């Protein structure tokens, strides 16, 4: 009698809880980083002298504006990362976490540990 190879269609509840723990840890760090970026942009973490001190060098003003712009871009990216992690938590609750949205196959556990918000397998991502 030939034994059929069973291909997993989803991760077990235990595995999903393992992924959830990783995501929650990354989410807490991401939110902390996001708040630090927001504070840097608004200077809320300081006594406000950056906004009121006279600046005589145009280059300094340009550098200050650039760093504020860069901080804004980083904050936007961090906010998107947070949303992606939160969406991954929803997929865990729906038991659809780790399933490639294009191939329908399981995304390897190693990839999900590195990129816990991934929705595409490497195979599907490379096709894009």
PDB file of N, CA and C in Angstrom:
ATOM      1  N   UNK A   1       0.844  -1.176   0.000  1.00  0.00           N
ATOM      2  CA  UNK A   1       0.000   0.000   0.000  1.00  0.00           C
ATOM      3  C   UNK A   1       0.895   1.247   0.000  1.00  0.00           C
ATOM      4  N   UNK A   2       0.682   2.134  -0.923  1.00  0.00           N
ATOM      5  CA  UNK A   2       1.479   3.355  -1.011  1.00  0.00           C
ATOM      6  C   UNK A   2       0.946   4.392  -0.030  1.00  0.00           C
ATOM      7  N   UNK A   3       1.858   5.032   0.656  1.00  0.00           N
ATOM      8  CA  UNK A   3       1.436   6.089   1.579  1.00  0.00           C
ATOM      9  C   UNK A   3       1.478   7.417   0.852  1.00  0.00           C
ATOM     10  N   UNK A   4       0.414   8.149   0.990  1.00  0.00           N
ATOM     11  CA  UNK A   4       0.347   9.462   0.341  1.00  0.00           C
ATOM     12  C   UNK A   4       1.029  10.497   1.222  1.00  0.00           C
ATOM     13  N   UNK A   5       1.741  11.388   0.562  1.00  0.00           N
ATOM     14  CA  UNK A   5       2.414  12.466   1.287  1.00  0.00           C
ATOM     15  C   UNK A   5       1.381  13.551   1.594  1.00  0.00           C
ATOM     16  N   UNK A   6       1.196  13.849   2.851  1.00  0.00           N
ATOM     17  CA  UNK A   6       0.239  14.876   3.263  1.00  0.00           C
ATOM     18  C   UNK A   6       0.923  16.238   3.252  1.00  0.00           C
ATOM     19  N   UNK A   7       0.384  17.164   2.483  1.00  0.00           N
ATOM     20  CA  UNK A   7       0.942  18.521   2.455  1.00  0.00           C
ATOM     21  C   UNK A   7       0.090  19.418   3.349  1.00  0.00           C
ATOM     22  N   UNK A   8       0.738  20.046   4.305  1.00  0.00           N
ATOM     23  CA  UNK A   8       0.025  20.923   5.238  1.00  0.00           C
ATOM     24  C   UNK A   8      -0.592  22.095   4.487  1.00  0.00           C
ATOM     25  N   UNK A   9      -1.829  22.402   4.837  1.00  0.00           N
ATOM     26  CA  UNK A   9      -2.493  23.540   4.215  1.00  0.00           C
ATOM     27  C   UNK A   9      -2.516  24.760   5.138  1.00  0.00           C
ATOM     28  N   UNK A  10      -2.236  24.531   6.413  1.00  0.00           N
ATOM     29  CA  UNK A  10      -2.132  25.651   7.351  1.00  0.00           C
ATOM     30  C   UNK A  10      -1.259  25.233   8.531  1.00  0.00           C
ATOM     31  N   UNK A  11      -0.809  26.234   9.274  1.00  0.00           N
ATOM     32  CA  UNK A  11      -0.013  25.952  10.463  1.00  0.00           C
ATOM     33  C   UNK A  11      -0.928  25.530  11.607  1.00  0.00           C
ATOM     34  N   UNK A  12      -0.383  24.703  12.497  1.00  0.00           N
ATOM     35  CA  UNK A  12      -1.153  24.231  13.655  1.00  0.00           C
ATOM     36  C   UNK A  12      -1.403  25.393  14.614  1.00  0.00           C
ATOM     37  N   UNK A  13      -2.353  25.205  15.500  1.00  0.00           N
ATOM     38  CA  UNK A  13      -2.653  26.238  16.491  1.00  0.00           C
ATOM     39  C   UNK A  13      -1.426  26.552  17.347  1.00  0.00           C
ATOM     40  N   UNK A  14      -0.646  25.521  17.671  1.00  0.00           N
ATOM     41  CA  UNK A  14       0.568  25.734  18.471  1.00  0.00           C
ATOM     42  C   UNK A  14       1.576  26.593  17.699  1.00  0.00           C
ATOM     43  N   UNK A  15       1.726  26.288  16.412  1.00  0.00           N
ATOM     44  CA  UNK A  15       2.649  27.076  15.588  1.00  0.00           C
ATOM     45  C   UNK A  15       2.149  28.511  15.449  1.00  0.00           C
ATOM     46  N   UNK A  16       0.844  28.671  15.297  1.00  0.00           N
ATOM     47  CA  UNK A  16       0.275  30.022  15.183  1.00  0.00           C
ATOM     48  C   UNK A  16       0.539  30.825  16.450  1.00  0.00           C
ATOM     49  N   UNK A  17       0.463  30.182  17.603  1.00  0.00           N
ATOM     50  CA  UNK A  17       0.748  30.878  18.861  1.00  0.00           C
ATOM     51  C   UNK A  17       2.215  31.281  18.939  1.00  0.00           C
ATOM     52  N   UNK A  18       3.088  30.442  18.400  1.00  0.00           N
ATOM     53  CA  UNK A  18       4.518  30.762  18.348  1.00  0.00           C
ATOM     54  C   UNK A  18       4.746  32.005  17.474  1.00  0.00           C
ATOM     55  N   UNK A  19       4.105  32.029  16.315  1.00  0.00           N
ATOM     56  CA  UNK A  19       4.210  33.198  15.426  1.00  0.00           C
ATOM     57  C   UNK A  19       3.626  34.441  16.098  1.00  0.00           C
ATOM     58  N   UNK A  20       2.516  34.254  16.807  1.00  0.00           N
ATOM     59  CA  UNK A  20       1.858  35.371  17.485  1.00  0.00           C
ATOM     60  C   UNK A  20       2.799  36.011  18.507  1.00  0.00           C
ATOM     61  N   UNK A  21       3.518  35.184  19.240  1.00  0.00           N
ATOM     62  CA  UNK A  21       4.464  35.702  20.236  1.00  0.00           C
ATOM     63  C   UNK A  21       5.556  36.531  19.560  1.00  0.00           C
ATOM     64  N   UNK A  22       6.062  36.045  18.423  1.00  0.00           N
ATOM     65  CA  UNK A  22       7.099  36.777  17.683  1.00  0.00           C
ATOM     66  C   UNK A  22       6.546  38.113  17.191  1.00  0.00           C
ATOM     67  N   UNK A  23       5.331  38.066  16.641  1.00  0.00           N
ATOM     68  CA  UNK A  23       4.717  39.284  16.103  1.00  0.00           C
ATOM     69  C   UNK A  23       4.447  40.294  17.211  1.00  0.00           C
ATOM     70  N   UNK A  24       3.933  39.851  18.330  1.00  0.00           N
ATOM     71  CA  UNK A  24       3.652  40.767  19.443  1.00  0.00           C
ATOM     72  C   UNK A  24       4.925  41.439  19.942  1.00  0.00           C
ATOM     73  N   UNK A  25       6.013  40.680  19.974  1.00  0.00           N
ATOM     74  CA  UNK A  25       7.301  41.242  20.391  1.00  0.00           C
ATOM     75  C   UNK A  25       7.761  42.307  19.394  1.00  0.00           C
ATOM     76  N   UNK A  26       7.677  41.989  18.100  1.00  0.00           N
ATOM     77  CA  UNK A  26       8.090  42.942  17.066  1.00  0.00           C
ATOM     78  C   UNK A  26       7.162  44.151  17.046  1.00  0.00           C
ATOM     79  N   UNK A  27       5.887  43.934  17.305  1.00  0.00           N
ATOM     80  CA  UNK A  27       4.910  45.015  17.317  1.00  0.00           C
ATOM     81  C   UNK A  27       5.196  46.000  18.455  1.00  0.00           C
ATOM     82  N   UNK A  28       5.519  45.490  19.618  1.00  0.00           N
ATOM     83  CA  UNK A  28       5.837  46.366  20.756  1.00  0.00           C
ATOM     84  C   UNK A  28       7.061  47.221  20.438  1.00  0.00           C
ATOM     85  N   UNK A  29       8.093  46.606  19.867  1.00  0.00           N
ATOM     86  CA  UNK A  29       9.312  47.342  19.502  1.00  0.00           C
ATOM     87  C   UNK A  29       9.008  48.361  18.407  1.00  0.00           C
ATOM     88  N   UNK A  30       8.209  47.975  17.418  1.00  0.00           N
ATOM     89  CA  UNK A  30       7.871  48.878  16.312  1.00  0.00           C
ATOM     90  C   UNK A  30       7.104  50.092  16.813  1.00  0.00           C
ATOM     91  N   UNK A  31       6.174  49.882  17.740  1.00  0.00           N
ATOM     92  CA  UNK A  31       5.405  51.006  18.295  1.00  0.00           C
ATOM     93  C   UNK A  31       6.303  51.938  19.102  1.00  0.00           C
ATOM     94  N   UNK A  32       7.230  51.360  19.841  1.00  0.00           N
ATOM     95  CA  UNK A  32       8.185  52.154  20.611  1.00  0.00           C
ATOM     96  C   UNK A  32       9.044  53.009  19.664  1.00  0.00           C
ATOM     97  N   UNK A  33       9.546  52.394  18.599  1.00  0.00           N
ATOM     98  CA  UNK A  33      10.353  53.124  17.615  1.00  0.00           C
ATOM     99  C   UNK A  33       9.541  54.219  16.943  1.00  0.00           C
ATOM    100  N   UNK A  34       8.278  53.918  16.635  1.00  0.00           N
ATOM    101  CA  UNK A  34       7.401  54.898  15.987  1.00  0.00           C
ATOM    102  C   UNK A  34       7.198  56.120  16.887  1.00  0.00           C
ATOM    103  N   UNK A  35       6.965  55.877  18.162  1.00  0.00           N
ATOM    104  CA  UNK A  35       6.771  56.994  19.103  1.00  0.00           C
ATOM    105  C   UNK A  35       8.035  57.847  19.223  1.00  0.00           C
ATOM    106  N   UNK A  36       9.206  57.202  19.187  1.00  0.00           N
ATOM    107  CA  UNK A  36      10.462  57.952  19.234  1.00  0.00           C
ATOM    108  C   UNK A  36      10.629  58.809  17.988  1.00  0.00           C
ATOM    109  N   UNK A  37      10.263  58.285  16.836  1.00  0.00           N
ATOM    110  CA  UNK A  37      10.340  59.058  15.591  1.00  0.00           C
ATOM    111  C   UNK A  37       9.370  60.236  15.638  1.00  0.00           C
ATOM    112  N   UNK A  38       8.161  59.988  16.111  1.00  0.00           N
ATOM    113  CA  UNK A  38       7.178  61.087  16.225  1.00  0.00           C
ATOM    114  C   UNK A  38       7.693  62.160  17.176  1.00  0.00           C
ATOM    115  N   UNK A  39       8.298  61.741  18.272  1.00  0.00           N
ATOM    116  CA  UNK A  39       8.836  62.705  19.233  1.00  0.00           C
ATOM    117  C   UNK A  39       9.956  63.521  18.607  1.00  0.00           C
ATOM    118  N   UNK A  40      10.780  62.879  17.793  1.00  0.00           N
ATOM    119  CA  UNK A  40      11.872  63.590  17.123  1.00  0.00           C
ATOM    120  C   UNK A  40      11.332  64.624  16.151  1.00  0.00           C
ATOM    121  N   UNK A  41      10.239  64.294  15.483  1.00  0.00           N
ATOM    122  CA  UNK A  41       9.649  65.214  14.512  1.00  0.00           C
ATOM    123  C   UNK A  41       9.026  66.409  15.217  1.00  0.00           C
ATOM    124  N   UNK A  42       8.313  66.156  16.297  1.00  0.00           N
ATOM    125  CA  UNK A  42       7.588  67.232  16.980  1.00  0.00           C
ATOM    126  C   UNK A  42       8.391  67.876  18.103  1.00  0.00           C
ATOM    127  N   UNK A  43       9.570  67.322  18.377  1.00  0.00           N
ATOM    128  CA  UNK A  43      10.431  67.808  19.464  1.00  0.00           C
ATOM    129  C   UNK A  43       9.755  67.722  20.822  1.00  0.00           C
ATOM    130  N   UNK A  44       8.781  66.822  20.940  1.00  0.00           N
ATOM    131  CA  UNK A  44       8.061  66.720  22.202  1.00  0.00           C
ATOM    132  C   UNK A  44       8.915  66.101  23.299  1.00  0.00           C
ATOM    133  N   UNK A  45      10.012  65.467  22.909  1.00  0.00           N
ATOM    134  CA  UNK A  45      10.858  64.833  23.919  1.00  0.00           C
ATOM    135  C   UNK A  45      11.899  65.800  24.474  1.00  0.00           C
ATOM    136  N   UNK A  46      11.891  67.034  23.978  1.00  0.00           N
ATOM    137  CA  UNK A  46      12.890  68.000  24.438  1.00  0.00           C
ATOM    138  C   UNK A  46      12.189  69.208  25.043  1.00  0.00           C
ATOM    139  N   UNK A  47      12.993  70.183  25.448  1.00  0.00           N
ATOM    140  CA  UNK A  47      12.403  71.382  26.032  1.00  0.00           C
ATOM    141  C   UNK A  47      12.084  72.431  24.971  1.00  0.00           C
ATOM    142  N   UNK A  48      12.230  72.073  23.705  1.00  0.00           N
ATOM    143  CA  UNK A  48      11.792  72.951  22.637  1.00  0.00           C
ATOM    144  C   UNK A  48      12.811  73.939  22.127  1.00  0.00           C
ATOM    145  N   UNK A  49      14.056  73.881  22.570  1.00  0.00           N
ATOM    146  CA  UNK A  49      15.029  74.887  22.125  1.00  0.00           C
ATOM    147  C   UNK A  49      15.380  74.740  20.659  1.00  0.00           C
ATOM    148  N   UNK A  50      15.140  73.533  20.069  1.00  0.00           N
ATOM    149  CA  UNK A  50      15.462  73.359  18.649  1.00  0.00           C
ATOM    150  C   UNK A  50      14.630  74.298  17.788  1.00  0.00           C
ATOM    151  N   UNK A  51      13.406  74.574  18.218  1.00  0.00           N
ATOM    152  CA  UNK A  51      12.520  75.427  17.436  1.00  0.00           C
ATOM    153  C   UNK A  51      12.780  76.910  17.672  1.00  0.00           C
ATOM    154  N   UNK A  52      13.345  77.269  18.811  1.00  0.00           N
ATOM    155  CA  UNK A  52      13.453  78.692  19.141  1.00  0.00           C
ATOM    156  C   UNK A  52      14.875  79.232  19.065  1.00  0.00           C
ATOM    157  N   UNK A  53      15.875  78.369  19.091  1.00  0.00           N
ATOM    158  CA  UNK A  53      17.239  78.881  19.077  1.00  0.00           C
ATOM    159  C   UNK A  53      17.555  79.506  17.717  1.00  0.00           C
ATOM    160  N   UNK A  54      18.192  80.664  17.696  1.00  0.00           N
ATOM    161  CA  UNK A  54      18.508  81.303  16.416  1.00  0.00           C
ATOM    162  C   UNK A  54      19.557  80.502  15.661  1.00  0.00           C
ATOM    163  N   UNK A  55      19.292  80.314  14.403  1.00  0.00           N
ATOM    164  CA  UNK A  55      20.231  79.579  13.558  1.00  0.00           C
ATOM    165  C   UNK A  55      20.732  80.543  12.493  1.00  0.00           C
ATOM    166  N   UNK A  56      22.039  80.704  12.438  1.00  0.00           N
ATOM    167  CA  UNK A  56      22.604  81.678  11.513  1.00  0.00           C
ATOM    168  C   UNK A  56      23.128  81.037  10.240  1.00  0.00           C
ATOM    169  N   UNK A  57      23.260  79.734  10.253  1.00  0.00           N
ATOM    170  CA  UNK A  57      23.815  79.072   9.082  1.00  0.00           C
ATOM    171  C   UNK A  57      22.711  78.391   8.286  1.00  0.00           C
ATOM    172  N   UNK A  58      22.624  78.765   7.030  1.00  0.00           N
ATOM    173  CA  UNK A  58      21.604  78.194   6.153  1.00  0.00           C
ATOM    174  C   UNK A  58      21.782  76.683   6.041  1.00  0.00           C
ATOM    175  N   UNK A  59      23.023  76.215   6.009  1.00  0.00           N
ATOM    176  CA  UNK A  59      23.273  74.783   5.899  1.00  0.00           C
ATOM    177  C   UNK A  59      22.689  74.027   7.077  1.00  0.00           C
ATOM    178  N   UNK A  60      22.793  74.596   8.260  1.00  0.00           N
ATOM    179  CA  UNK A  60      22.231  73.937   9.435  1.00  0.00           C
ATOM    180  C   UNK A  60      20.723  73.824   9.318  1.00  0.00           C
ATOM    181  N   UNK A  61      20.088  74.900   8.805  1.00  0.00           N
ATOM    182  CA  UNK A  61      18.640  74.866   8.643  1.00  0.00           C
ATOM    183  C   UNK A  61      18.250  73.794   7.630  1.00  0.00           C
ATOM    184  N   UNK A  62      19.030  73.721   6.536  1.00  0.00           N
ATOM    185  CA  UNK A  62      18.765  72.700   5.513  1.00  0.00           C
ATOM    186  C   UNK A  62      18.918  71.308   6.075  1.00  0.00           C
ATOM    187  N   UNK A  63      19.958  71.093   6.856  1.00  0.00           N
ATOM    188  CA  UNK A  63      20.199  69.780   7.456  1.00  0.00           C
ATOM    189  C   UNK A  63      19.096  69.441   8.444  1.00  0.00           C
ATOM    190  N   UNK A  64      18.640  70.454   9.190  1.00  0.00           N
ATOM    191  CA  UNK A  64      17.573  70.243  10.157  1.00  0.00           C
ATOM    192  C   UNK A  64      16.283  69.848   9.444  1.00  0.00           C
ATOM    193  N   UNK A  65      15.959  70.550   8.360  1.00  0.00           N
ATOM    194  CA  UNK A  65      14.749  70.243   7.603  1.00  0.00           C
ATOM    195  C   UNK A  65      14.846  68.853   6.987  1.00  0.00           C
ATOM    196  N   UNK A  66      16.019  68.514   6.485  1.00  0.00           N
ATOM    197  CA  UNK A  66      16.207  67.206   5.867  1.00  0.00           C
ATOM    198  C   UNK A  66      16.022  66.097   6.893  1.00  0.00           C
ATOM    199  N   UNK A  67      16.612  66.280   8.074  1.00  0.00           N
ATOM    200  CA  UNK A  67      16.479  65.226   9.069  1.00  0.00           C
ATOM    201  C   UNK A  67      15.029  65.099   9.527  1.00  0.00           C
ATOM    202  N   UNK A  68      14.304  66.216   9.551  1.00  0.00           N
ATOM    203  CA  UNK A  68      12.887  66.166   9.920  1.00  0.00           C
ATOM    204  C   UNK A  68      12.095  65.432   8.827  1.00  0.00           C
ATOM    205  N   UNK A  69      12.457  65.701   7.573  1.00  0.00           N
ATOM    206  CA  UNK A  69      11.797  65.024   6.453  1.00  0.00           C
ATOM    207  C   UNK A  69      12.106  63.527   6.472  1.00  0.00           C
ATOM    208  N   UNK A  70      13.377  63.202   6.715  1.00  0.00           N
ATOM    209  CA  UNK A  70      13.768  61.790   6.796  1.00  0.00           C
ATOM    210  C   UNK A  70      13.055  61.102   7.953  1.00  0.00           C
ATOM    211  N   UNK A  71      12.954  61.796   9.074  1.00  0.00           N
ATOM    212  CA  UNK A  71      12.244  61.229  10.226  1.00  0.00           C
ATOM    213  C   UNK A  71      10.783  60.977   9.880  1.00  0.00           C
ATOM    214  N   UNK A  72      10.208  61.891   9.127  1.00  0.00           N
ATOM    215  CA  UNK A  72       8.820  61.728   8.696  1.00  0.00           C
ATOM    216  C   UNK A  72       8.642  60.517   7.812  1.00  0.00           C
ATOM    217  N   UNK A  73       9.588  60.318   6.891  1.00  0.00           N
ATOM    218  CA  UNK A  73       9.536  59.153   6.011  1.00  0.00           C
ATOM    219  C   UNK A  73       9.712  57.858   6.807  1.00  0.00           C
ATOM    220  N   UNK A  74      10.647  57.886   7.748  1.00  0.00           N
ATOM    221  CA  UNK A  74      10.863  56.702   8.590  1.00  0.00           C
ATOM    222  C   UNK A  74       9.620  56.407   9.427  1.00  0.00           C
ATOM    223  N   UNK A  75       8.998  57.456   9.942  1.00  0.00           N
ATOM    224  CA  UNK A  75       7.789  57.272  10.749  1.00  0.00           C
ATOM    225  C   UNK A  75       6.669  56.670   9.899  1.00  0.00           C
ATOM    226  N   UNK A  76       6.539  57.130   8.656  1.00  0.00           N
ATOM    227  CA  UNK A  76       5.508  56.590   7.762  1.00  0.00           C
ATOM    228  C   UNK A  76       5.763  55.110   7.479  1.00  0.00           C
ATOM    229  N   UNK A  77       7.020  54.765   7.242  1.00  0.00           N
ATOM    230  CA  UNK A  77       7.367  53.359   6.999  1.00  0.00           C
ATOM    231  C   UNK A  77       7.095  52.513   8.240  1.00  0.00           C
ATOM    232  N   UNK A  78       7.415  53.068   9.404  1.00  0.00           N
ATOM    233  CA  UNK A  78       7.203  52.340  10.657  1.00  0.00           C
ATOM    234  C   UNK A  78       5.709  52.133  10.899  1.00  0.00           C
ATOM    235  N   UNK A  79       4.906  53.146  10.578  1.00  0.00           N
ATOM    236  CA  UNK A  79       3.457  53.054  10.743  1.00  0.00           C
ATOM    237  C   UNK A  79       2.900  51.960   9.846  1.00  0.00           C
ATOM    238  N   UNK A  80       3.396  51.874   8.608  1.00  0.00           N
ATOM    239  CA  UNK A  80       2.968  50.836   7.671  1.00  0.00           C
ATOM    240  C   UNK A  80       3.371  49.451   8.200  1.00  0.00           C
ATOM    241  N   UNK A  81       4.576  49.343   8.752  1.00  0.00           N
ATOM    242  CA  UNK A  81       5.056  48.092   9.335  1.00  0.00           C
ATOM    243  C   UNK A  81       4.134  47.655  10.481  1.00  0.00           C
ATOM    244  N   UNK A  82       3.747  48.587  11.332  1.00  0.00           N
ATOM    245  CA  UNK A  82       2.843  48.302  12.456  1.00  0.00           C
ATOM    246  C   UNK A  82       1.512  47.773  11.926  1.00  0.00           C
ATOM    247  N   UNK A  83       0.962  48.428  10.907  1.00  0.00           N
ATOM    248  CA  UNK A  83      -0.312  47.990  10.307  1.00  0.00           C
ATOM    249  C   UNK A  83      -0.178  46.581   9.721  1.00  0.00           C
ATOM    250  N   UNK A  84       0.959  46.300   9.076  1.00  0.00           N
ATOM    251  CA  UNK A  84       1.180  44.968   8.504  1.00  0.00           C
ATOM    252  C   UNK A  84       1.260  43.902   9.594  1.00  0.00           C
ATOM    253  N   UNK A  85       1.917  44.230  10.713  1.00  0.00           N
ATOM    254  CA  UNK A  85       1.998  43.277  11.831  1.00  0.00           C
ATOM    255  C   UNK A  85       0.614  43.050  12.436  1.00  0.00           C
ATOM    256  N   UNK A  86      -0.178  44.119  12.561  1.00  0.00           N
ATOM    257  CA  UNK A  86      -1.528  43.977  13.103  1.00  0.00           C
ATOM    258  C   UNK A  86      -2.400  43.124  12.177  1.00  0.00           C
ATOM    259  N   UNK A  87      -2.213  43.291  10.860  1.00  0.00           N
ATOM    260  CA  UNK A  87      -2.954  42.460   9.898  1.00  0.00           C
ATOM    261  C   UNK A  87      -2.539  40.991  10.029  1.00  0.00           C
ATOM    262  N   UNK A  88      -1.259  40.757  10.314  1.00  0.00           N
ATOM    263  CA  UNK A  88      -0.776  39.384  10.506  1.00  0.00           C
ATOM    264  C   UNK A  88      -1.447  38.752  11.728  1.00  0.00           C
ATOM    265  N   UNK A  89      -1.662  39.540  12.778  1.00  0.00           N
ATOM    266  CA  UNK A  89      -2.350  39.021  13.966  1.00  0.00           C
ATOM    267  C   UNK A  89      -3.782  38.619  13.623  1.00  0.00           C
ATOM    268  N   UNK A  90      -4.430  39.384  12.767  1.00  0.00           N
ATOM    269  CA  UNK A  90      -5.789  39.043  12.339  1.00  0.00           C
ATOM    270  C   UNK A  90      -5.776  37.735  11.549  1.00  0.00           C
ATOM    271  N   UNK A  91      -4.768  37.572  10.679  1.00  0.00           N
ATOM    272  CA  UNK A  91      -4.665  36.321   9.917  1.00  0.00           C
ATOM    273  C   UNK A  91      -4.427  35.127  10.850  1.00  0.00           C
ATOM    274  N   UNK A  92      -3.712  35.351  11.942  1.00  0.00           N
ATOM    275  CA  UNK A  92      -3.520  34.274  12.923  1.00  0.00           C
ATOM    276  C   UNK A  92      -4.866  33.892  13.532  1.00  0.00           C
ATOM    277  N   UNK A  93      -5.654  34.887  13.913  1.00  0.00           N
ATOM    278  CA  UNK A  93      -6.968  34.612  14.500  1.00  0.00           C
ATOM    279  C   UNK A  93      -7.878  33.892  13.503  1.00  0.00           C
ATOM    280  N   UNK A  94      -7.747  34.232  12.212  1.00  0.00           N
ATOM    281  CA  UNK A  94      -8.552  33.599  11.158  1.00  0.00           C
ATOM    282  C   UNK A  94      -7.971  32.259  10.710  1.00  0.00           C
ATOM    283  N   UNK A  95      -6.806  31.918  11.239  1.00  0.00           N
ATOM    284  CA  UNK A  95      -6.080  30.691  10.889  1.00  0.00           C
ATOM    285  C   UNK A  95      -5.679  30.645   9.410  1.00  0.00           C
ATOM    286  N   UNK A  96      -5.466  31.831   8.827  1.00  0.00           N
ATOM    287  CA  UNK A  96      -4.992  31.916   7.443  1.00  0.00           C
ATOM    288  C   UNK A  96      -3.551  32.406   7.397  1.00  0.00           C
ATOM    289  N   UNK A  97      -2.948  32.609   8.553  1.00  0.00           N
ATOM    290  CA  UNK A  97      -1.582  33.112   8.629  1.00  0.00           C
ATOM    291  C   UNK A  97      -0.607  32.126   8.000  1.00  0.00           C
ATOM    292  N   UNK A  98       0.338  32.656   7.232  1.00  0.00           N
ATOM    293  CA  UNK A  98       1.393  31.829   6.667  1.00  0.00           C
ATOM    294  C   UNK A  98       1.040  31.194   5.338  1.00  0.00           C
ATOM    295  N   UNK A  99      -0.143  31.500   4.809  1.00  0.00           N
ATOM    296  CA  UNK A  99      -0.549  30.958   3.518  1.00  0.00           C
ATOM    297  C   UNK A  99      -0.291  32.029   2.459  1.00  0.00           C
ATOM    298  N   UNK A 100       0.459  31.677   1.421  1.00  0.00           N
ATOM    299  CA  UNK A 100       0.777  32.623   0.350  1.00  0.00           C
ATOM    300  C   UNK A 100      -0.512  33.048  -0.339  1.00  0.00           C
ATOM    301  N   UNK A 101      -0.702  34.348  -0.510  1.00  0.00           N
ATOM    302  CA  UNK A 101      -1.942  34.833  -1.113  1.00  0.00           C
ATOM    303  C   UNK A 101      -1.988  34.615  -2.617  1.00  0.00           C
ATOM    304  N   UNK A 102      -0.878  34.217  -3.222  1.00  0.00           N
ATOM    305  CA  UNK A 102      -0.885  33.938  -4.659  1.00  0.00           C
ATOM    306  C   UNK A 102      -0.859  32.447  -4.968  1.00  0.00           C
ATOM    307  N   UNK A 103      -0.003  31.701  -4.288  1.00  0.00           N
ATOM    308  CA  UNK A 103       0.122  30.270  -4.598  1.00  0.00           C
ATOM    309  C   UNK A 103      -0.791  29.406  -3.735  1.00  0.00           C
ATOM    310  N   UNK A 104      -1.214  29.914  -2.576  1.00  0.00           N
ATOM    311  CA  UNK A 104      -2.035  29.125  -1.659  1.00  0.00           C
ATOM    312  C   UNK A 104      -1.233  28.127  -0.850  1.00  0.00           C
ATOM    313  N   UNK A 105       0.086  28.104  -1.059  1.00  0.00           N
ATOM    314  CA  UNK A 105       0.953  27.182  -0.323  1.00  0.00           C
ATOM    315  C   UNK A 105       1.427  27.840   0.969  1.00  0.00           C
ATOM    316  N   UNK A 106       1.895  27.007   1.890  1.00  0.00           N
ATOM    317  CA  UNK A 106       2.432  27.544   3.137  1.00  0.00           C
ATOM    318  C   UNK A 106       3.757  28.258   2.886  1.00  0.00           C
ATOM    319  N   UNK A 107       3.887  29.422   3.482  1.00  0.00           N
ATOM    320  CA  UNK A 107       5.156  30.145   3.450  1.00  0.00           C
ATOM    321  C   UNK A 107       6.059  29.456   4.472  1.00  0.00           C
ATOM    322  N   UNK A 108       7.311  29.146   4.113  1.00  0.00           N
ATOM    323  CA  UNK A 108       8.196  28.448   5.057  1.00  0.00           C
ATOM    324  C   UNK A 108       8.328  29.187   6.398  1.00  0.00           C
ATOM    325  N   UNK A 109       8.381  28.404   7.441  1.00  0.00           N
ATOM    326  CA  UNK A 109       8.465  28.940   8.803  1.00  0.00           C
ATOM    327  C   UNK A 109       9.676  29.863   8.971  1.00  0.00           C
ATOM    328  N   UNK A 110      10.800  29.509   8.349  1.00  0.00           N
ATOM    329  CA  UNK A 110      12.018  30.326   8.461  1.00  0.00           C
ATOM    330  C   UNK A 110      11.769  31.740   7.931  1.00  0.00           C
ATOM    331  N   UNK A 111      11.045  31.835   6.794  1.00  0.00           N
ATOM    332  CA  UNK A 111      10.744  33.150   6.214  1.00  0.00           C
ATOM    333  C   UNK A 111       9.830  33.951   7.142  1.00  0.00           C
ATOM    334  N   UNK A 112       8.836  33.275   7.706  1.00  0.00           N
ATOM    335  CA  UNK A 112       7.897  33.974   8.586  1.00  0.00           C
ATOM    336  C   UNK A 112       8.559  34.447   9.874  1.00  0.00           C
ATOM    337  N   UNK A 113       9.557  33.726  10.336  1.00  0.00           N
ATOM    338  CA  UNK A 113      10.267  34.163  11.540  1.00  0.00           C
ATOM    339  C   UNK A 113      11.068  35.437  11.252  1.00  0.00           C
ATOM    340  N   UNK A 114      11.578  35.559  10.028  1.00  0.00           N
ATOM    341  CA  UNK A 114      12.347  36.755   9.647  1.00  0.00           C
ATOM    342  C   UNK A 114      11.434  37.898   9.224  1.00  0.00           C
ATOM    343  N   UNK A 115      10.377  37.569   8.492  1.00  0.00           N
ATOM    344  CA  UNK A 115       9.431  38.577   7.981  1.00  0.00           C
ATOM    345  C   UNK A 115       8.030  38.122   8.395  1.00  0.00           C
ATOM    346  N   UNK A 116       7.657  38.363   9.648  1.00  0.00           N
ATOM    347  CA  UNK A 116       6.415  37.791  10.170  1.00  0.00           C
ATOM    348  C   UNK A 116       5.141  38.331   9.523  1.00  0.00           C
ATOM    349  N   UNK A 117       5.239  39.424   8.793  1.00  0.00           N
ATOM    350  CA  UNK A 117       4.058  39.977   8.146  1.00  0.00           C
ATOM    351  C   UNK A 117       3.955  39.565   6.673  1.00  0.00           C
ATOM    352  N   UNK A 118       4.838  38.645   6.232  1.00  0.00           N
ATOM    353  CA  UNK A 118       4.865  38.213   4.832  1.00  0.00           C
ATOM    354  C   UNK A 118       3.533  37.583   4.428  1.00  0.00           C
ATOM    355  N   UNK A 119       3.082  37.925   3.228  1.00  0.00           N
ATOM    356  CA  UNK A 119       1.865  37.312   2.680  1.00  0.00           C
ATOM    357  C   UNK A 119       2.162  36.583   1.370  1.00  0.00           C
ATOM    358  N   UNK A 120       3.431  36.643   0.944  1.00  0.00           N
ATOM    359  CA  UNK A 120       3.847  35.978  -0.287  1.00  0.00           C
ATOM    360  C   UNK A 120       5.013  35.050  -0.001  1.00  0.00           C
ATOM    361  N   UNK A 121       5.011  33.905  -0.665  1.00  0.00           N
ATOM    362  CA  UNK A 121       6.171  33.023  -0.589  1.00  0.00           C
ATOM    363  C   UNK A 121       7.283  33.649  -1.419  1.00  0.00           C
ATOM    364  N   UNK A 122       8.495  33.186  -1.233  1.00  0.00           N
ATOM    365  CA  UNK A 122       9.628  33.697  -2.013  1.00  0.00           C
ATOM    366  C   UNK A 122       9.369  33.442  -3.496  1.00  0.00           C
ATOM    367  N   UNK A 123       8.815  32.280  -3.782  1.00  0.00           N
ATOM    368  CA  UNK A 123       8.496  31.917  -5.169  1.00  0.00           C
ATOM    369  C   UNK A 123       7.556  32.948  -5.803  1.00  0.00           C
ATOM    370  N   UNK A 124       6.482  33.298  -5.107  1.00  0.00           N
ATOM    371  CA  UNK A 124       5.519  34.273  -5.631  1.00  0.00           C
ATOM    372  C   UNK A 124       6.145  35.668  -5.713  1.00  0.00           C
ATOM    373  N   UNK A 125       6.950  36.023  -4.724  1.00  0.00           N
ATOM    374  CA  UNK A 125       7.587  37.346  -4.701  1.00  0.00           C
ATOM    375  C   UNK A 125       8.557  37.497  -5.868  1.00  0.00           C
ATOM    376  N   UNK A 126       9.294  36.429  -6.179  1.00  0.00           N
ATOM    377  CA  UNK A 126      10.254  36.480  -7.286  1.00  0.00           C
ATOM    378  C   UNK A 126       9.569  36.595  -8.642  1.00  0.00           C
ATOM    379  N   UNK A 127       8.339  36.136  -8.757  1.00  0.00           N
ATOM    380  CA  UNK A 127       7.590  36.237 -10.011  1.00  0.00           C
ATOM    381  C   UNK A 127       7.174  37.680 -10.310  1.00  0.00           C
ATOM    382  N   UNK A 128       7.127  38.509  -9.276  1.00  0.00           N
ATOM    383  CA  UNK A 128       6.646  39.894  -9.443  1.00  0.00           C
ATOM    384  C   UNK A 128       7.663  40.756 -10.130  1.00  0.00           C
TER     385      UNK A 128
END
